[in-house]
Amino acid sequence: MTLDKWRQELADNFQETVKWRRYLHEHPEPSFEEVETAKYISEQLETIGVDDIRTNVGNGYGIVATIKGKHDGPTIALRADFDALRVTEEVESDFKSKEEGIMHACGHDGHTASLLSVANVLVNHQEELHGNIVLLHQHAEEVLPGGAKSMVEDGALDAVDYVFGIHLGAEQPLNRVYYNYGFGSANSDTFSMKVQGKGGHGAAPHDTHDALTVGTQIVTNLQQIVSRMTDPVKPAVLTFAGFQSGGEAYNIIADTAEIVGTVRTMHQDIQQLMESKLKTMSAQIAAAYDATVEIDYTHGYPSIQNTTEEVDKVKAAFLTAFAAEEVEEVEGQMGGEDFAYFLLNKPGAFLRVGAKPPEKEVTYPHHHPKFEIDEQALLRSGEVFLTIIDSYLTN
């Protein structure tokens, strides 16, 4: 079978895949600064034999490379992001980050190496392909406004019929393949508030408008938005992540308070409700205490919406390619992902592959300084992509 042959070649090239991943892990670059990372990826694509490569796509260093099949057929896009995070690595390894305060703490180095490994196989089998493959090596997933939207605007999907992405999961069982219908991620909005009161002496609270207590009332009362104002079958999360007020001395009442947080929703009507209530209730609470509040509310990435038909198709292919217990349907997550912009423009799906090191009793989540993945997951990710290509371009 074609897929069996591809998978064997992928396995044969596994050490090269690991080498790519470890080089990227040692040399991380944060969002919108991935100059050398993009150069490295382009060089590997050229060495592999991909000759249709477009660089500096979008608002940064995005790469769009195309492998053209010999026969007519659809064009499938496969995406891997390649930016790192401003996190200081605490994992000791032979390939620990050499950049102080920067590390691949979300697995994007693995995503990139996996997609390169797929290209390494398929570039030698163009005569078997009934259609084309577009490799989307995407910059700046971690920082707004992200890279995906700008890559779409720069024509990355113009010739594409379907688009797929994979994310490694450091806390999910190794090599498990996860799919889900409908929403795959959340609208990920952020906000900051500045409460302006009237400071004064701690012994004369009647002469002040205490910004600290006004801020605490806002934090406490806005919990009612999710618990009493949103439809309970439509997920919503309101998280207050930071509160700064007063503290200069034990006897000074705070003049200002600053609050930051995030709002996560899936449905647009709930997103609009959350924003509206956050703004109006905060203003009304502040006014009740003769204070004011300024709010900066930022819309982040939209929610991923997987296409039912494409999920059906790849699910069937996975159940043929992998053991049934290794393929699992899951619910959507409340994290943010700018892969959503690709799915707003073309049908497809966002998938996950378990990468938990089985020998580790304790594992750490994404964005943690001790984040680790098992490199065997790079092979499974490549197999997932090859299974999708086989399903669309050879059958």
Protein backbone atom coordinates (compact mmCIF):
# COMPACT_ATOMS: atom_id res chain seq x y z
CA MET A 1 0.00 0.00 0.00
CA THR A 2 1.11 3.56 -0.70
CA LEU A 3 0.63 4.73 2.88
CA ASP A 4 2.60 1.80 4.31
CA LYS A 5 5.52 2.67 2.06
CA TRP A 6 5.38 6.34 3.08
CA ARG A 7 5.25 5.45 6.77
CA GLN A 8 8.28 3.20 6.43
CA GLU A 9 10.24 5.99 4.77
CA LEU A 10 9.15 8.36 7.52
CA ALA A 11 10.45 5.91 10.13
CA ASP A 12 13.69 5.45 8.19
CA ASN A 13 14.23 9.23 8.30
CA PHE A 14 13.33 9.58 11.97
CA GLN A 15 16.83 10.48 13.16
CA GLU A 16 16.89 13.36 10.68
CA THR A 17 13.55 14.54 12.08
CA VAL A 18 14.95 14.45 15.61
CA LYS A 19 18.02 16.38 14.46
CA TRP A 20 15.79 19.14 13.01
CA ARG A 21 13.73 19.33 16.18
CA ARG A 22 16.73 19.52 18.47
CA TYR A 23 18.42 22.21 16.40
CA LEU A 24 15.26 24.32 16.56
CA HIS A 25 14.96 23.66 20.29
CA GLU A 26 18.50 24.85 20.88
CA HIS A 27 17.99 28.00 18.81
CA PRO A 28 14.51 29.35 19.66
CA GLU A 29 13.25 32.72 18.49
CA PRO A 30 10.12 34.47 19.81
CA SER A 31 7.15 35.62 17.75
CA PHE A 32 7.90 38.12 14.97
CA GLU A 33 11.64 37.66 15.52
CA GLU A 34 12.10 34.26 13.85
CA VAL A 35 14.61 35.39 11.22
CA GLU A 36 17.11 32.55 11.60
CA THR A 37 14.39 29.96 12.23
CA ALA A 38 12.67 30.80 8.95
CA LYS A 39 16.02 30.73 7.15
CA TYR A 40 16.78 27.30 8.60
CA ILE A 41 13.39 25.90 7.56
CA SER A 42 13.78 27.24 4.02
CA GLU A 43 17.26 25.71 3.76
CA GLN A 44 15.98 22.31 4.86
CA LEU A 45 13.13 22.46 2.36
CA GLU A 46 15.59 23.25 -0.42
CA THR A 47 17.88 20.42 0.65
CA ILE A 48 14.94 18.02 0.71
CA GLY A 49 14.14 19.00 -2.86
CA VAL A 50 11.16 21.32 -2.53
CA ASP A 51 11.64 23.93 -5.25
CA ASP A 52 8.50 26.08 -4.88
CA ILE A 53 9.14 28.11 -1.73
CA ARG A 54 7.78 31.56 -0.88
CA THR A 55 9.26 33.37 2.13
CA ASN A 56 8.35 36.40 4.25
CA VAL A 57 4.67 35.62 3.81
CA GLY A 58 2.29 37.70 5.91
CA ASN A 59 3.33 40.12 8.64
CA GLY A 60 6.56 38.33 9.44
CA TYR A 61 8.56 35.32 8.34
CA GLY A 62 5.88 32.91 7.13
CA ILE A 63 6.80 30.27 4.55
CA VAL A 64 4.53 28.72 1.92
CA ALA A 65 6.03 25.78 0.03
CA THR A 66 4.27 23.65 -2.57
CA ILE A 67 4.78 20.03 -3.63
CA LYS A 68 2.94 19.46 -6.91
CA GLY A 69 1.52 16.06 -7.74
CA LYS A 70 1.75 14.60 -11.21
CA HIS A 71 -2.02 14.19 -11.54
CA ASP A 72 -4.95 16.55 -11.16
CA GLY A 73 -6.71 16.71 -7.83
CA PRO A 74 -7.35 18.86 -4.76
CA THR A 75 -4.73 20.89 -2.91
CA ILE A 76 -4.22 20.07 0.76
CA ALA A 77 -2.50 22.53 3.10
CA LEU A 78 -0.63 21.30 6.19
CA ARG A 79 0.35 23.80 8.86
CA ALA A 80 3.15 23.90 11.45
CA ASP A 81 3.97 26.96 13.58
CA PHE A 82 7.59 27.70 14.51
CA ASP A 83 7.80 30.53 17.07
CA ALA A 84 9.08 30.08 20.63
CA LEU A 85 8.12 31.66 23.96
CA ARG A 86 9.82 34.08 26.34
CA VAL A 87 10.28 31.39 28.97
CA THR A 88 13.51 30.35 30.69
CA GLU A 89 14.02 26.62 30.20
CA GLU A 90 14.46 24.47 33.30
CA VAL A 91 14.87 21.12 31.54
CA GLU A 92 18.42 19.81 31.46
CA SER A 93 19.22 18.10 28.15
CA ASP A 94 21.92 17.95 25.50
CA PHE A 95 19.81 20.27 23.35
CA LYS A 96 18.66 22.78 25.97
CA SER A 97 17.90 26.27 24.67
CA LYS A 98 20.99 28.36 24.09
CA GLU A 99 18.98 31.59 24.13
CA GLU A 100 18.58 33.09 27.59
CA GLY A 101 14.94 33.56 28.53
CA ILE A 102 13.56 31.91 25.36
CA MET A 103 12.46 28.30 24.82
CA HIS A 104 10.18 26.09 22.77
CA ALA A 105 7.71 25.53 25.60
CA CYS A 106 4.74 24.70 23.39
CA GLY A 107 6.08 22.08 21.00
CA HIS A 108 6.35 24.24 17.90
CA ASP A 109 9.82 22.87 17.25
CA GLY A 110 8.21 19.44 17.06
CA HIS A 111 5.46 20.65 14.77
CA THR A 112 8.03 22.07 12.37
CA ALA A 113 10.28 19.01 12.35
CA SER A 114 7.25 16.80 11.77
CA LEU A 115 6.10 18.77 8.74
CA LEU A 116 9.63 18.79 7.32
CA SER A 117 9.69 15.01 7.71
CA VAL A 118 6.45 14.73 5.73
CA ALA A 119 7.88 16.90 2.97
CA ASN A 120 11.00 14.75 2.99
CA VAL A 121 8.86 11.73 2.09
CA LEU A 122 6.33 13.22 -0.29
CA VAL A 123 8.75 15.21 -2.45
CA ASN A 124 9.95 11.83 -3.73
CA HIS A 125 6.46 10.55 -4.55
CA GLN A 126 4.94 13.33 -6.62
CA GLU A 127 4.08 10.87 -9.40
CA GLU A 128 1.69 9.13 -6.99
CA LEU A 129 -0.18 12.28 -5.98
CA HIS A 130 -3.52 13.24 -7.49
CA GLY A 131 -3.31 16.84 -6.36
CA ASN A 132 -0.90 19.15 -4.54
CA ILE A 133 0.41 19.77 -1.02
CA VAL A 134 0.98 23.22 0.46
CA LEU A 135 3.27 23.40 3.47
CA LEU A 136 2.33 26.29 5.76
CA HIS A 137 5.26 27.04 8.04
CA GLN A 138 3.72 29.75 10.17
CA HIS A 139 5.42 32.40 12.29
CA ALA A 140 4.08 34.14 15.41
CA GLU A 141 1.29 31.95 16.70
CA GLU A 142 1.90 32.96 20.30
CA VAL A 143 1.54 36.76 20.11
CA LEU A 144 -1.31 38.88 18.78
CA PRO A 145 -2.15 39.59 16.03
CA GLY A 146 -0.46 36.30 15.13
CA GLY A 147 0.80 35.17 11.77
CA ALA A 148 -2.05 33.07 10.38
CA LYS A 149 -4.46 35.86 9.47
CA SER A 150 -1.80 37.81 7.62
CA MET A 151 -0.65 34.70 5.75
CA VAL A 152 -4.21 34.15 4.55
CA GLU A 153 -4.40 37.79 3.46
CA ASP A 154 -1.09 37.30 1.62
CA GLY A 155 -2.56 34.49 -0.47
CA ALA A 156 -1.32 31.42 1.41
CA LEU A 157 -4.64 29.63 0.89
CA ASP A 158 -5.56 30.98 -2.54
CA ALA A 159 -4.95 27.66 -4.32
CA VAL A 160 -5.91 25.47 -1.33
CA ASP A 161 -9.03 23.30 -1.04
CA TYR A 162 -8.58 21.88 2.49
CA VAL A 163 -6.34 22.76 5.44
CA PHE A 164 -5.19 20.68 8.41
CA GLY A 165 -3.04 21.32 11.48
CA ILE A 166 -1.66 19.29 14.38
CA HIS A 167 -0.73 20.27 17.93
CA LEU A 168 1.35 18.07 20.21
CA GLY A 169 0.00 17.52 23.72
CA ALA A 170 2.57 17.10 26.51
CA GLU A 171 -0.02 15.78 28.97
CA GLN A 172 -1.82 13.36 26.62
CA PRO A 173 -0.76 9.70 26.23
CA LEU A 174 2.04 9.23 23.72
CA ASN A 175 0.93 8.65 20.11
CA ARG A 176 -2.80 9.00 20.84
CA VAL A 177 -4.56 10.80 17.97
CA TYR A 178 -7.35 13.18 18.97
CA TYR A 179 -10.07 14.71 16.81
CA ASN A 180 -13.20 16.67 17.59
CA TYR A 181 -16.25 17.99 15.82
CA GLY A 182 -17.30 21.62 15.87
CA PHE A 183 -15.37 24.01 18.06
CA GLY A 184 -11.72 23.08 18.58
CA SER A 185 -10.63 26.17 20.53
CA ALA A 186 -12.07 29.34 22.02
CA ASN A 187 -12.34 33.00 21.13
CA SER A 188 -9.44 34.25 23.25
CA ASP A 189 -10.00 37.87 24.30
CA THR A 190 -8.03 39.89 26.84
CA PHE A 191 -8.80 42.98 28.88
CA SER A 192 -7.21 45.48 31.22
CA MET A 193 -8.99 47.85 33.60
CA LYS A 194 -7.81 50.94 35.41
CA VAL A 195 -9.96 51.98 38.34
CA GLN A 196 -9.55 55.63 39.25
CA GLY A 197 -10.61 56.57 42.75
CA LYS A 198 -9.43 59.14 45.28
CA GLY A 199 -6.62 58.16 47.57
CA GLY A 200 -6.03 59.39 51.06
CA HIS A 201 -5.05 58.57 54.62
CA GLY A 202 -6.00 55.20 56.02
CA ALA A 203 -7.45 56.89 59.10
CA ALA A 204 -9.89 58.97 57.01
CA PRO A 205 -11.62 56.61 54.59
CA HIS A 206 -14.65 58.92 54.38
CA ASP A 207 -12.53 61.42 52.48
CA THR A 208 -11.53 58.85 49.83
CA HIS A 209 -12.95 56.67 47.07
CA ASP A 210 -10.93 53.52 47.69
CA ALA A 211 -9.82 52.13 44.31
CA LEU A 212 -8.70 48.87 45.89
CA THR A 213 -12.10 48.02 47.35
CA VAL A 214 -13.83 49.15 44.15
CA GLY A 215 -11.58 46.78 42.22
CA THR A 216 -12.39 43.89 44.53
CA GLN A 217 -16.11 44.56 44.07
CA ILE A 218 -15.65 44.44 40.30
CA VAL A 219 -13.76 41.14 40.49
CA THR A 220 -16.32 39.60 42.83
CA ASN A 221 -19.48 40.78 41.11
CA LEU A 222 -18.40 40.04 37.53
CA GLN A 223 -18.33 36.34 38.42
CA GLN A 224 -22.10 36.54 38.02
CA ILE A 225 -21.75 37.05 34.28
CA VAL A 226 -20.79 33.42 33.67
CA SER A 227 -22.79 31.87 36.50
CA ARG A 228 -26.07 33.75 35.92
CA MET A 229 -26.08 35.54 32.54
CA THR A 230 -24.70 33.12 29.94
CA ASP A 231 -26.37 30.07 28.47
CA PRO A 232 -24.93 27.12 30.46
CA VAL A 233 -24.66 24.94 27.34
CA LYS A 234 -22.41 27.52 25.66
CA PRO A 235 -18.98 27.55 27.36
CA ALA A 236 -17.58 30.75 28.82
CA VAL A 237 -14.59 31.51 31.04
CA LEU A 238 -13.79 34.78 32.77
CA THR A 239 -10.37 34.82 34.41
CA PHE A 240 -8.91 37.70 36.41
CA ALA A 241 -5.19 37.11 36.12
CA GLY A 242 -3.71 40.18 37.80
CA PHE A 243 -4.64 42.83 40.38
CA GLN A 244 -2.32 45.67 41.37
CA SER A 245 -3.35 48.38 43.83
CA GLY A 246 -1.85 50.33 46.71
CA GLY A 247 0.82 48.83 48.91
CA GLU A 248 3.07 51.89 49.12
CA ALA A 249 2.47 52.08 52.87
CA TYR A 250 0.20 50.52 55.48
CA ASN A 251 -1.79 53.71 56.04
CA ILE A 252 -2.47 54.93 52.50
CA ILE A 253 -5.78 54.22 50.75
CA ALA A 254 -5.24 53.38 47.10
CA ASP A 255 -5.86 55.99 44.42
CA THR A 256 -5.86 53.50 41.51
CA ALA A 257 -6.21 49.81 40.83
CA GLU A 258 -5.24 47.88 37.70
CA ILE A 259 -6.84 44.58 36.74
CA VAL A 260 -6.04 42.27 33.81
CA GLY A 261 -7.62 39.08 32.57
CA THR A 262 -8.97 36.97 29.75
CA VAL A 263 -12.37 35.98 28.38
CA ARG A 264 -12.79 32.66 26.59
CA THR A 265 -15.91 31.77 24.63
CA MET A 266 -16.83 29.65 21.63
CA HIS A 267 -20.05 31.20 20.36
CA GLN A 268 -20.10 34.73 18.98
CA ASP A 269 -23.28 35.74 20.86
CA ILE A 270 -21.68 34.74 24.17
CA GLN A 271 -18.49 36.59 23.24
CA GLN A 272 -20.52 39.76 22.63
CA LEU A 273 -22.48 39.30 25.87
CA MET A 274 -19.32 38.82 27.92
CA GLU A 275 -17.69 41.95 26.54
CA SER A 276 -20.81 44.07 26.96
CA LYS A 277 -21.49 42.97 30.53
CA LEU A 278 -17.85 43.30 31.55
CA LYS A 279 -17.82 46.90 30.40
CA THR A 280 -21.21 48.04 31.67
CA MET A 281 -21.11 46.29 35.04
CA SER A 282 -17.58 47.51 35.80
CA ALA A 283 -18.57 51.09 35.02
CA GLN A 284 -21.73 50.86 37.12
CA ILE A 285 -19.92 49.31 40.09
CA ALA A 286 -17.22 51.99 39.97
CA ALA A 287 -19.83 54.75 39.71
CA ALA A 288 -21.64 53.41 42.77
CA TYR A 289 -18.50 54.18 44.77
CA ASP A 290 -17.83 57.55 43.09
CA ALA A 291 -14.96 56.10 41.08
CA THR A 292 -14.40 55.55 37.36
CA VAL A 293 -12.94 52.72 35.29
CA GLU A 294 -11.19 52.68 31.91
CA ILE A 295 -11.34 49.38 30.03
CA ASP A 296 -9.17 48.20 27.17
CA TYR A 297 -10.80 45.10 25.65
CA THR A 298 -8.93 43.25 22.89
CA HIS A 299 -10.42 40.62 20.61
CA GLY A 300 -7.92 37.80 20.25
CA TYR A 301 -7.97 34.78 17.97
CA PRO A 302 -11.40 33.48 16.94
CA SER A 303 -12.53 29.98 17.84
CA ILE A 304 -11.51 27.04 15.67
CA GLN A 305 -14.49 25.48 13.88
CA ASN A 306 -13.68 22.10 12.40
CA THR A 307 -15.60 21.02 9.31
CA THR A 308 -17.83 17.99 9.93
CA GLU A 309 -17.23 16.41 6.52
CA GLU A 310 -13.45 16.66 6.86
CA VAL A 311 -13.48 15.28 10.41
CA ASP A 312 -15.58 12.33 9.20
CA LYS A 313 -13.12 11.64 6.39
CA VAL A 314 -9.92 11.80 8.44
CA LYS A 315 -11.48 9.89 11.34
CA ALA A 316 -12.24 7.00 9.00
CA ALA A 317 -8.70 7.13 7.63
CA PHE A 318 -7.17 7.17 11.13
CA LEU A 319 -9.21 4.14 12.22
CA THR A 320 -7.76 2.27 9.25
CA ALA A 321 -4.18 3.45 9.78
CA PHE A 322 -3.96 3.19 13.58
CA ALA A 323 -5.25 0.91 16.32
CA ALA A 324 -8.78 1.82 17.41
CA GLU A 325 -7.66 2.56 20.97
CA GLU A 326 -5.16 5.11 19.63
CA VAL A 327 -7.85 7.25 17.98
CA GLU A 328 -10.14 9.23 20.27
CA GLU A 329 -12.86 11.84 19.94
CA VAL A 330 -12.59 14.69 22.46
CA GLU A 331 -14.38 17.89 23.31
CA GLY A 332 -13.03 21.27 22.22
CA GLN A 333 -10.64 23.17 24.46
CA MET A 334 -10.77 26.74 25.76
CA GLY A 335 -7.25 27.63 24.65
CA GLY A 336 -6.61 30.13 21.86
CA GLU A 337 -5.13 29.18 18.46
CA ASP A 338 -4.78 31.32 15.36
CA PHE A 339 -5.15 28.24 13.15
CA ALA A 340 -8.77 29.37 13.37
CA TYR A 341 -8.10 31.93 10.63
CA PHE A 342 -7.20 29.17 8.18
CA LEU A 343 -10.47 27.36 8.93
CA LEU A 344 -12.47 30.56 8.50
CA ASN A 345 -11.32 30.50 4.89
CA LYS A 346 -11.13 26.80 3.95
CA PRO A 347 -12.66 23.55 5.24
CA GLY A 348 -10.48 21.27 7.32
CA ALA A 349 -9.66 20.30 10.89
CA PHE A 350 -7.25 20.87 13.76
CA LEU A 351 -5.98 17.68 15.39
CA ARG A 352 -3.92 16.75 18.42
CA VAL A 353 -1.30 14.08 19.02
CA GLY A 354 -0.29 12.88 22.49
CA ALA A 355 3.36 13.48 23.34
CA LYS A 356 3.59 12.68 27.05
CA PRO A 357 6.92 11.03 27.93
CA PRO A 358 5.73 7.68 29.35
CA GLU A 359 8.67 7.38 31.75
CA LYS A 360 7.81 10.69 33.46
CA GLU A 361 5.66 10.45 36.59
CA VAL A 362 5.13 14.21 36.58
CA THR A 363 4.56 16.16 33.38
CA TYR A 364 4.25 19.89 32.90
CA PRO A 365 1.76 21.84 30.78
CA HIS A 366 2.43 23.95 27.73
CA HIS A 367 4.25 27.25 28.42
CA HIS A 368 5.87 25.83 31.57
CA PRO A 369 9.68 26.09 32.00
CA LYS A 370 9.81 22.28 32.46
CA PHE A 371 7.70 21.49 29.38
CA GLU A 372 8.85 18.33 27.60
CA ILE A 373 7.61 16.09 24.79
CA ASP A 374 8.54 12.57 23.77
CA GLU A 375 10.14 12.76 20.34
CA GLN A 376 8.36 9.60 19.21
CA ALA A 377 5.32 11.87 18.85
CA LEU A 378 7.06 13.53 15.90
CA LEU A 379 6.81 10.25 14.03
CA ARG A 380 3.14 9.85 14.86
CA SER A 381 2.41 13.44 13.82
CA GLY A 382 4.06 12.76 10.49
CA GLU A 383 2.01 9.58 10.11
CA VAL A 384 -1.17 11.56 10.76
CA PHE A 385 -0.31 14.06 8.02
CA LEU A 386 0.63 11.27 5.60
CA THR A 387 -2.66 9.49 6.35
CA ILE A 388 -4.56 12.67 5.48
CA ILE A 389 -2.63 13.08 2.23
CA ASP A 390 -3.19 9.44 1.33
CA SER A 391 -6.92 9.82 1.99
CA TYR A 392 -7.29 12.90 -0.22
CA LEU A 393 -4.64 12.54 -2.91
CA THR A 394 -4.27 8.82 -3.67
CA ASN A 395 -7.71 7.28 -3.14
